[in-house]
Amino acid sequence: MRARRLRLGLYADEEGLAWVRSLVEDAVASRNARILDGTVVLSADDGLDFLAEQWTVEHPGRSSGSRQQVDMDVSLRCSLRTWRAIRKAVLAALCPEGSGPHICRVPWTVG
């Protein structure tokens, strides 16, 4: 087993970040992996502007409140097979409706 990283770009407020953290923690715990470290920082990447635009399109007329573009970077200790299962579980939890049209609770992208 070695250290692996799970990176997500998010457009979230504190409540949304807490929800995404819990998704990651649940996926990790259910697969006997271990979180080594995790950071959430404001994104300096203009490439994530589409997440704010997505929010605006999906929630017309609503304020985005305190949502910000952030990068979540989680370092895990696990096998490659386990990392793939964790990543798949987190992405499925972020979008339980699948790839069809729907509104995301927290607009995201995977890095």
N, C-alpha and C. Protein backbone atom coordinates (compact mmCIF):
# COMPACT_ATOMS: atom_id res chain seq x y z
N MET A 1 0.85 -1.18 0.00
CA MET A 1 0.00 0.00 0.00
C MET A 1 0.89 1.24 0.00
N ARG A 2 0.38 2.25 -0.65
CA ARG A 2 1.15 3.50 -0.70
C ARG A 2 0.19 4.68 -0.65
N ALA A 3 0.76 5.87 -0.56
CA ALA A 3 -0.05 7.08 -0.49
C ALA A 3 -0.59 7.41 -1.89
N ARG A 4 -1.87 7.72 -1.93
CA ARG A 4 -2.53 8.11 -3.18
C ARG A 4 -3.37 9.35 -2.90
N ARG A 5 -3.73 10.07 -3.95
CA ARG A 5 -4.46 11.33 -3.76
C ARG A 5 -5.80 11.30 -4.47
N LEU A 6 -6.76 11.90 -3.82
CA LEU A 6 -8.07 12.13 -4.40
C LEU A 6 -8.26 13.63 -4.44
N ARG A 7 -8.43 14.18 -5.65
CA ARG A 7 -8.54 15.63 -5.82
C ARG A 7 -9.89 15.97 -6.44
N LEU A 8 -10.56 16.95 -5.83
CA LEU A 8 -11.85 17.41 -6.33
C LEU A 8 -11.85 18.93 -6.39
N GLY A 9 -12.43 19.48 -7.44
CA GLY A 9 -12.72 20.90 -7.52
C GLY A 9 -14.19 21.05 -7.17
N LEU A 10 -14.51 21.98 -6.27
CA LEU A 10 -15.88 22.14 -5.79
C LEU A 10 -16.31 23.59 -5.82
N TYR A 11 -17.60 23.80 -5.92
CA TYR A 11 -18.19 25.12 -5.72
C TYR A 11 -19.14 24.95 -4.55
N ALA A 12 -18.64 25.24 -3.35
CA ALA A 12 -19.38 24.86 -2.14
C ALA A 12 -19.27 25.89 -1.04
N ASP A 13 -20.26 25.85 -0.15
CA ASP A 13 -20.20 26.61 1.10
C ASP A 13 -19.76 25.62 2.20
N GLU A 14 -19.75 26.06 3.44
CA GLU A 14 -19.29 25.20 4.54
C GLU A 14 -20.14 23.93 4.66
N GLU A 15 -21.45 24.06 4.49
CA GLU A 15 -22.34 22.90 4.57
C GLU A 15 -22.03 21.89 3.45
N GLY A 16 -21.82 22.40 2.25
CA GLY A 16 -21.47 21.54 1.12
C GLY A 16 -20.13 20.85 1.32
N LEU A 17 -19.16 21.59 1.85
CA LEU A 17 -17.85 20.99 2.12
C LEU A 17 -17.96 19.88 3.15
N ALA A 18 -18.75 20.12 4.19
CA ALA A 18 -18.94 19.10 5.23
C ALA A 18 -19.57 17.84 4.63
N TRP A 19 -20.54 18.04 3.73
CA TRP A 19 -21.19 16.91 3.09
C TRP A 19 -20.19 16.11 2.25
N VAL A 20 -19.38 16.80 1.44
CA VAL A 20 -18.40 16.11 0.60
C VAL A 20 -17.36 15.40 1.47
N ARG A 21 -16.90 16.05 2.55
CA ARG A 21 -15.95 15.40 3.46
C ARG A 21 -16.54 14.10 4.00
N SER A 22 -17.81 14.13 4.39
CA SER A 22 -18.43 12.93 4.94
C SER A 22 -18.53 11.83 3.88
N LEU A 23 -18.79 12.20 2.62
CA LEU A 23 -18.82 11.20 1.55
C LEU A 23 -17.46 10.51 1.41
N VAL A 24 -16.40 11.32 1.44
CA VAL A 24 -15.05 10.78 1.32
C VAL A 24 -14.73 9.90 2.52
N GLU A 25 -15.02 10.38 3.72
CA GLU A 25 -14.73 9.61 4.94
C GLU A 25 -15.48 8.28 4.95
N ASP A 26 -16.74 8.29 4.54
CA ASP A 26 -17.53 7.05 4.49
C ASP A 26 -16.96 6.07 3.48
N ALA A 27 -16.58 6.57 2.30
CA ALA A 27 -16.01 5.70 1.27
C ALA A 27 -14.69 5.10 1.73
N VAL A 28 -13.87 5.88 2.40
CA VAL A 28 -12.58 5.41 2.90
C VAL A 28 -12.78 4.38 4.00
N ALA A 29 -13.63 4.67 4.96
CA ALA A 29 -13.84 3.78 6.09
C ALA A 29 -14.42 2.43 5.67
N SER A 30 -15.29 2.45 4.66
CA SER A 30 -15.92 1.19 4.24
C SER A 30 -14.97 0.28 3.48
N ARG A 31 -13.80 0.79 3.15
CA ARG A 31 -12.83 -0.01 2.39
C ARG A 31 -11.52 -0.21 3.14
N ASN A 32 -11.53 0.04 4.42
CA ASN A 32 -10.36 -0.18 5.28
C ASN A 32 -9.12 0.55 4.79
N ALA A 33 -9.31 1.71 4.21
CA ALA A 33 -8.19 2.57 3.83
C ALA A 33 -8.00 3.58 4.96
N ARG A 34 -7.05 4.47 4.79
CA ARG A 34 -6.78 5.46 5.83
C ARG A 34 -6.51 6.82 5.20
N ILE A 35 -7.13 7.85 5.77
CA ILE A 35 -6.85 9.22 5.33
C ILE A 35 -5.59 9.69 6.04
N LEU A 36 -4.59 10.08 5.28
CA LEU A 36 -3.34 10.58 5.85
C LEU A 36 -3.40 12.08 6.09
N ASP A 37 -4.03 12.79 5.16
CA ASP A 37 -4.07 14.25 5.24
C ASP A 37 -5.15 14.74 4.29
N GLY A 38 -5.64 15.91 4.54
CA GLY A 38 -6.62 16.51 3.65
C GLY A 38 -6.57 18.01 3.74
N THR A 39 -6.67 18.66 2.59
CA THR A 39 -6.68 20.12 2.57
C THR A 39 -7.82 20.61 1.69
N VAL A 40 -8.34 21.75 2.06
CA VAL A 40 -9.33 22.46 1.25
C VAL A 40 -8.83 23.89 1.16
N VAL A 41 -8.56 24.35 -0.06
CA VAL A 41 -8.06 25.70 -0.26
C VAL A 41 -8.86 26.39 -1.35
N LEU A 42 -8.97 27.71 -1.24
CA LEU A 42 -9.61 28.47 -2.31
C LEU A 42 -8.85 28.23 -3.59
N SER A 43 -9.59 28.03 -4.65
CA SER A 43 -8.96 27.72 -5.93
C SER A 43 -8.45 28.99 -6.60
N ALA A 44 -7.23 28.90 -7.08
CA ALA A 44 -6.66 29.99 -7.87
C ALA A 44 -6.78 29.66 -9.35
N ASP A 45 -7.46 28.56 -9.66
CA ASP A 45 -7.58 28.06 -11.03
C ASP A 45 -8.84 28.64 -11.69
N ASP A 46 -8.64 29.50 -12.69
CA ASP A 46 -9.78 30.05 -13.43
C ASP A 46 -10.52 28.94 -14.19
N GLY A 47 -9.90 27.81 -14.33
CA GLY A 47 -10.51 26.69 -15.01
C GLY A 47 -11.71 26.11 -14.28
N LEU A 48 -11.93 26.55 -13.04
CA LEU A 48 -13.08 26.07 -12.27
C LEU A 48 -14.26 27.05 -12.31
N ASP A 49 -14.13 28.12 -13.09
CA ASP A 49 -15.22 29.10 -13.20
C ASP A 49 -16.52 28.45 -13.66
N PHE A 50 -16.42 27.38 -14.43
CA PHE A 50 -17.63 26.73 -14.93
C PHE A 50 -18.50 26.16 -13.80
N LEU A 51 -17.89 25.89 -12.63
CA LEU A 51 -18.68 25.38 -11.51
C LEU A 51 -19.64 26.44 -10.98
N ALA A 52 -19.17 27.69 -10.90
CA ALA A 52 -20.04 28.80 -10.49
C ALA A 52 -21.13 29.03 -11.53
N GLU A 53 -20.75 28.92 -12.79
CA GLU A 53 -21.73 29.07 -13.87
C GLU A 53 -22.78 27.96 -13.81
N GLN A 54 -22.34 26.75 -13.50
CA GLN A 54 -23.26 25.63 -13.37
C GLN A 54 -24.28 25.91 -12.27
N TRP A 55 -23.80 26.42 -11.14
CA TRP A 55 -24.71 26.75 -10.04
C TRP A 55 -25.76 27.77 -10.50
N THR A 56 -25.32 28.80 -11.20
CA THR A 56 -26.23 29.85 -11.67
C THR A 56 -27.29 29.29 -12.61
N VAL A 57 -26.90 28.41 -13.51
CA VAL A 57 -27.85 27.81 -14.45
C VAL A 57 -28.84 26.90 -13.72
N GLU A 58 -28.34 26.12 -12.77
CA GLU A 58 -29.19 25.15 -12.07
C GLU A 58 -30.08 25.79 -11.00
N HIS A 59 -29.73 26.99 -10.56
CA HIS A 59 -30.48 27.67 -9.50
C HIS A 59 -30.78 29.10 -9.90
N PRO A 60 -31.57 29.30 -10.97
CA PRO A 60 -31.82 30.65 -11.49
C PRO A 60 -32.48 31.54 -10.43
N GLY A 61 -31.94 32.74 -10.30
CA GLY A 61 -32.50 33.72 -9.38
C GLY A 61 -32.10 33.52 -7.93
N ARG A 62 -31.40 32.44 -7.61
CA ARG A 62 -30.96 32.21 -6.23
C ARG A 62 -29.55 32.73 -6.02
N SER A 63 -29.31 33.27 -4.86
CA SER A 63 -27.97 33.72 -4.50
C SER A 63 -27.07 32.51 -4.27
N SER A 64 -25.83 32.64 -4.63
CA SER A 64 -24.88 31.55 -4.37
C SER A 64 -24.41 31.58 -2.92
N GLY A 65 -24.81 32.60 -2.18
CA GLY A 65 -24.46 32.68 -0.76
C GLY A 65 -22.96 32.74 -0.56
N SER A 66 -22.47 31.90 0.31
CA SER A 66 -21.04 31.91 0.63
C SER A 66 -20.26 30.85 -0.15
N ARG A 67 -20.83 30.32 -1.19
CA ARG A 67 -20.14 29.31 -2.00
C ARG A 67 -18.90 29.92 -2.66
N GLN A 68 -17.86 29.10 -2.71
CA GLN A 68 -16.61 29.51 -3.34
C GLN A 68 -16.03 28.34 -4.10
N GLN A 69 -15.18 28.64 -5.06
CA GLN A 69 -14.45 27.61 -5.78
C GLN A 69 -13.30 27.15 -4.91
N VAL A 70 -13.27 25.86 -4.60
CA VAL A 70 -12.22 25.33 -3.74
C VAL A 70 -11.66 24.05 -4.33
N ASP A 71 -10.43 23.78 -3.96
CA ASP A 71 -9.77 22.52 -4.30
C ASP A 71 -9.70 21.67 -3.04
N MET A 72 -10.21 20.45 -3.13
CA MET A 72 -10.11 19.50 -2.02
C MET A 72 -9.10 18.45 -2.44
N ASP A 73 -8.10 18.24 -1.61
CA ASP A 73 -7.03 17.29 -1.90
C ASP A 73 -6.90 16.37 -0.68
N VAL A 74 -7.20 15.09 -0.88
CA VAL A 74 -7.16 14.12 0.21
C VAL A 74 -6.08 13.09 -0.09
N SER A 75 -5.17 12.89 0.85
CA SER A 75 -4.12 11.89 0.72
C SER A 75 -4.56 10.63 1.47
N LEU A 76 -4.49 9.50 0.78
CA LEU A 76 -4.96 8.22 1.33
C LEU A 76 -3.84 7.20 1.35
N ARG A 77 -3.90 6.27 2.29
CA ARG A 77 -3.00 5.11 2.28
C ARG A 77 -3.85 3.91 1.90
N CYS A 78 -3.60 3.39 0.67
CA CYS A 78 -4.38 2.25 0.20
C CYS A 78 -3.75 1.69 -1.07
N SER A 79 -4.27 0.56 -1.50
CA SER A 79 -3.82 -0.03 -2.76
C SER A 79 -4.47 0.73 -3.92
N LEU A 80 -3.96 0.51 -5.12
CA LEU A 80 -4.54 1.14 -6.31
C LEU A 80 -5.97 0.67 -6.50
N ARG A 81 -6.21 -0.59 -6.31
CA ARG A 81 -7.56 -1.15 -6.45
C ARG A 81 -8.54 -0.48 -5.48
N THR A 82 -8.10 -0.30 -4.24
CA THR A 82 -8.94 0.35 -3.22
C THR A 82 -9.15 1.81 -3.57
N TRP A 83 -8.10 2.50 -4.02
CA TRP A 83 -8.24 3.91 -4.42
C TRP A 83 -9.27 4.05 -5.52
N ARG A 84 -9.23 3.16 -6.50
CA ARG A 84 -10.21 3.21 -7.58
C ARG A 84 -11.63 3.02 -7.06
N ALA A 85 -11.80 2.09 -6.12
CA ALA A 85 -13.13 1.84 -5.54
C ALA A 85 -13.61 3.05 -4.74
N ILE A 86 -12.71 3.68 -4.00
CA ILE A 86 -13.06 4.87 -3.22
C ILE A 86 -13.46 6.00 -4.16
N ARG A 87 -12.67 6.24 -5.17
CA ARG A 87 -12.95 7.30 -6.15
C ARG A 87 -14.31 7.07 -6.80
N LYS A 88 -14.57 5.85 -7.22
CA LYS A 88 -15.84 5.52 -7.86
C LYS A 88 -17.00 5.74 -6.89
N ALA A 89 -16.84 5.35 -5.64
CA ALA A 89 -17.91 5.53 -4.64
C ALA A 89 -18.18 7.00 -4.37
N VAL A 90 -17.13 7.80 -4.27
CA VAL A 90 -17.31 9.23 -4.01
C VAL A 90 -18.02 9.90 -5.19
N LEU A 91 -17.60 9.59 -6.40
CA LEU A 91 -18.23 10.19 -7.58
C LEU A 91 -19.69 9.76 -7.71
N ALA A 92 -19.99 8.51 -7.39
CA ALA A 92 -21.38 8.04 -7.43
C ALA A 92 -22.22 8.73 -6.38
N ALA A 93 -21.65 9.01 -5.22
CA ALA A 93 -22.38 9.70 -4.15
C ALA A 93 -22.60 11.17 -4.49
N LEU A 94 -21.63 11.79 -5.18
CA LEU A 94 -21.79 13.18 -5.60
C LEU A 94 -22.89 13.32 -6.63
N CYS A 95 -23.05 12.33 -7.48
CA CYS A 95 -24.07 12.35 -8.54
C CYS A 95 -24.87 11.06 -8.52
N PRO A 96 -25.74 10.89 -7.54
CA PRO A 96 -26.49 9.63 -7.45
C PRO A 96 -27.47 9.42 -8.61
N GLU A 97 -27.81 10.48 -9.33
CA GLU A 97 -28.74 10.36 -10.46
C GLU A 97 -28.04 9.87 -11.73
N GLY A 98 -26.73 9.73 -11.70
CA GLY A 98 -26.00 9.28 -12.87
C GLY A 98 -25.70 10.41 -13.83
N SER A 99 -25.58 10.07 -15.09
CA SER A 99 -25.15 11.07 -16.08
C SER A 99 -26.31 11.81 -16.74
N GLY A 100 -27.54 11.46 -16.41
CA GLY A 100 -28.69 12.18 -16.97
C GLY A 100 -28.80 13.57 -16.40
N PRO A 101 -29.63 14.41 -17.00
CA PRO A 101 -29.81 15.78 -16.50
C PRO A 101 -30.31 15.78 -15.05
N HIS A 102 -29.68 16.57 -14.23
CA HIS A 102 -30.08 16.72 -12.83
C HIS A 102 -29.37 17.93 -12.23
N ILE A 103 -29.75 18.28 -11.04
CA ILE A 103 -29.13 19.41 -10.33
C ILE A 103 -28.17 18.86 -9.29
N CYS A 104 -26.93 19.31 -9.34
CA CYS A 104 -25.93 18.86 -8.37
C CYS A 104 -26.09 19.63 -7.07
N ARG A 105 -26.04 18.91 -5.97
CA ARG A 105 -26.07 19.55 -4.65
C ARG A 105 -24.85 20.47 -4.49
N VAL A 106 -23.71 19.96 -4.91
CA VAL A 106 -22.45 20.71 -4.92
C VAL A 106 -21.82 20.52 -6.29
N PRO A 107 -21.76 21.55 -7.12
CA PRO A 107 -21.07 21.40 -8.41
C PRO A 107 -19.61 20.99 -8.18
N TRP A 108 -19.13 20.04 -8.97
CA TRP A 108 -17.80 19.47 -8.75
C TRP A 108 -17.14 19.05 -10.04
N THR A 109 -15.86 18.82 -9.95
CA THR A 109 -15.07 18.20 -11.00
C THR A 109 -13.99 17.38 -10.32
N VAL A 110 -13.52 16.38 -10.99
CA VAL A 110 -12.48 15.54 -10.41
C VAL A 110 -11.15 15.86 -11.08
N GLY A 111 -10.10 15.90 -10.27
CA GLY A 111 -8.77 16.24 -10.78
C GLY A 111 -7.86 15.07 -10.88
